[in-house]
């Protein structure tokens, strides 16, 4: 009930308030790469090579994460053009993302840039 009222996770300076109960976010539905099957709700899109959505459906499912990458690690794999299964998947998804981004700009989207905001907290006065 609480998740339905909040409808989103909230990120504060020194903590986050999850939309879902802790047991779900840290265990049952977590995407941790620990070799365990996890329940999920999936939005599945079948796309053409030129990034057009051909079919869409939503379903309950089970997922087993094979990698947990930071943005930096994923970018390093893309830059190195790694040829393993995960590297190939990243290359494929990056190509689709480039096409979708290009199409958004052709359709009139604007790009807004902003700096990353960071806070330094004094542990004595929190």
Foldseek 3Di string as FASTA:
>chain_A
DQLVVVVAWADDQPDIRGSDDPCCPPPQADQDQPQDKHKDKDWDFDADLLLDTDDIDIGIDIDHHNDDDDPVRLVVLQVVCDDDPVSVVSVSVVSSVVSVVVVVVVVPDDDDDDDDDHDDDDVVPD
